[in-house]
Amino acid sequence: MSGIELENRRLLEKILAVLKIANNQQIVKEKDRILRNDTKKQIYLLCDGKNTVSEIAEKIGTSQPNVSQHLSSLLESGLVLYDELSGKRFYYKSLE
């Protein structure tokens, strides 16, 4: 994937997340259902804008691919967003 394609993908992910935030009531309804998974809940709680995937994985004692998979579903649901700084993604909760 070229740099432009990657940048376009990131932009589309952010646009999708913003559109989902516009539907906050649905996200709030889904939040409890989504966070029933203990690992996903631990990851969500560490999404404070200060942690990357690797840092979250280290803090909860699981693999980076496992955290990435859970973060992907949290991003898709609209519960989590990210900021990219120096090539690293820092994840944060969208509802707080």
Protein backbone atom coordinates (compact mmCIF):
# COMPACT_ATOMS: atom_id res chain seq x y z
CA MET A 1 0.00 0.00 0.00
CA SER A 2 1.46 3.35 -0.99
CA GLY A 3 1.80 6.29 1.37
CA ILE A 4 -1.10 8.10 -0.30
CA GLU A 5 -3.33 5.03 -0.08
CA LEU A 6 -2.46 4.59 3.58
CA GLU A 7 -3.16 8.24 4.32
CA ASN A 8 -6.50 8.01 2.48
CA ARG A 9 -7.41 4.92 4.48
CA ARG A 10 -6.63 6.68 7.75
CA LEU A 11 -8.71 9.66 6.70
CA LEU A 12 -11.63 7.41 5.79
CA GLU A 13 -11.36 5.64 9.16
CA LYS A 14 -11.54 8.98 10.96
CA ILE A 15 -14.49 10.15 8.85
CA LEU A 16 -16.31 6.91 9.60
CA ALA A 17 -15.65 7.31 13.32
CA VAL A 18 -16.93 10.90 13.29
CA LEU A 19 -20.08 9.81 11.47
CA LYS A 20 -20.61 7.12 14.08
CA ILE A 21 -20.16 9.65 16.88
CA ALA A 22 -23.01 11.61 15.34
CA ASN A 23 -25.12 8.61 16.28
CA ASN A 24 -24.01 8.68 19.94
CA GLN A 25 -27.24 7.28 21.34
CA GLN A 26 -26.79 4.06 19.41
CA ILE A 27 -23.15 3.88 20.52
CA VAL A 28 -24.17 4.33 24.16
CA LYS A 29 -26.73 1.53 23.80
CA GLU A 30 -24.10 -0.74 22.28
CA LYS A 31 -21.35 0.19 24.75
CA ASP A 32 -22.37 -2.23 27.50
CA ARG A 33 -22.83 -5.08 25.04
CA ILE A 34 -19.46 -4.45 23.39
CA LEU A 35 -17.60 -4.15 26.69
CA ARG A 36 -18.85 -7.46 28.11
CA ASN A 37 -15.60 -8.97 26.90
CA ASP A 38 -13.09 -8.45 29.73
CA THR A 39 -10.08 -7.93 27.45
CA LYS A 40 -11.96 -5.42 25.34
CA LYS A 41 -13.06 -3.59 28.48
CA GLN A 42 -9.47 -3.43 29.79
CA ILE A 43 -8.31 -2.07 26.45
CA TYR A 44 -11.12 0.49 26.38
CA LEU A 45 -10.21 1.72 29.86
CA LEU A 46 -6.61 2.30 28.72
CA CYS A 47 -7.73 4.40 25.75
CA ASP A 48 -6.90 7.72 27.38
CA GLY A 49 -5.01 9.34 24.51
CA LYS A 50 -1.65 8.38 26.03
CA ASN A 51 -1.30 4.75 24.98
CA THR A 52 -0.33 3.01 21.74
CA VAL A 53 -1.24 -0.57 20.84
CA SER A 54 2.10 -1.85 22.16
CA GLU A 55 1.74 0.01 25.44
CA ILE A 56 -1.80 -1.28 25.96
CA ALA A 57 -0.66 -4.85 25.19
CA GLU A 58 2.16 -4.55 27.71
CA LYS A 59 -0.10 -3.12 30.43
CA ILE A 60 -2.71 -5.88 30.16
CA GLY A 61 -0.27 -8.69 29.46
CA THR A 62 -1.46 -9.82 26.04
CA SER A 63 -0.14 -9.76 22.50
CA GLN A 64 -0.14 -6.72 20.23
CA PRO A 65 -2.18 -8.56 17.54
CA ASN A 66 -4.83 -9.40 20.15
CA VAL A 67 -5.05 -5.74 21.21
CA SER A 68 -5.15 -4.63 17.56
CA GLN A 69 -8.07 -6.96 16.87
CA HIS A 70 -10.05 -5.62 19.83
CA LEU A 71 -9.17 -2.01 18.99
CA SER A 72 -10.40 -2.60 15.46
CA SER A 73 -13.85 -3.53 16.73
CA LEU A 74 -13.82 -0.62 19.20
CA LEU A 75 -12.93 1.75 16.35
CA GLU A 76 -15.62 0.24 14.16
CA SER A 77 -18.22 0.66 16.90
CA GLY A 78 -17.27 4.32 17.35
CA LEU A 79 -16.33 3.89 21.02
CA VAL A 80 -12.66 4.64 20.35
CA LEU A 81 -10.83 7.09 18.10
CA TYR A 82 -7.15 7.78 17.63
CA ASP A 83 -4.71 10.58 16.97
CA GLU A 84 -1.58 9.90 15.01
CA LEU A 85 1.62 11.54 16.14
CA SER A 86 5.07 10.74 14.73
CA GLY A 87 3.74 7.60 13.08
CA LYS A 88 2.17 6.26 16.30
CA ARG A 89 -1.52 5.98 17.04
CA PHE A 90 -2.72 7.09 20.45
CA TYR A 91 -6.19 5.82 21.26
CA TYR A 92 -8.90 7.64 23.20
CA LYS A 93 -12.55 7.16 24.11
CA SER A 94 -15.02 8.98 21.88
CA LEU A 95 -17.71 9.36 24.53
CA GLU A 96 -15.68 11.17 27.19
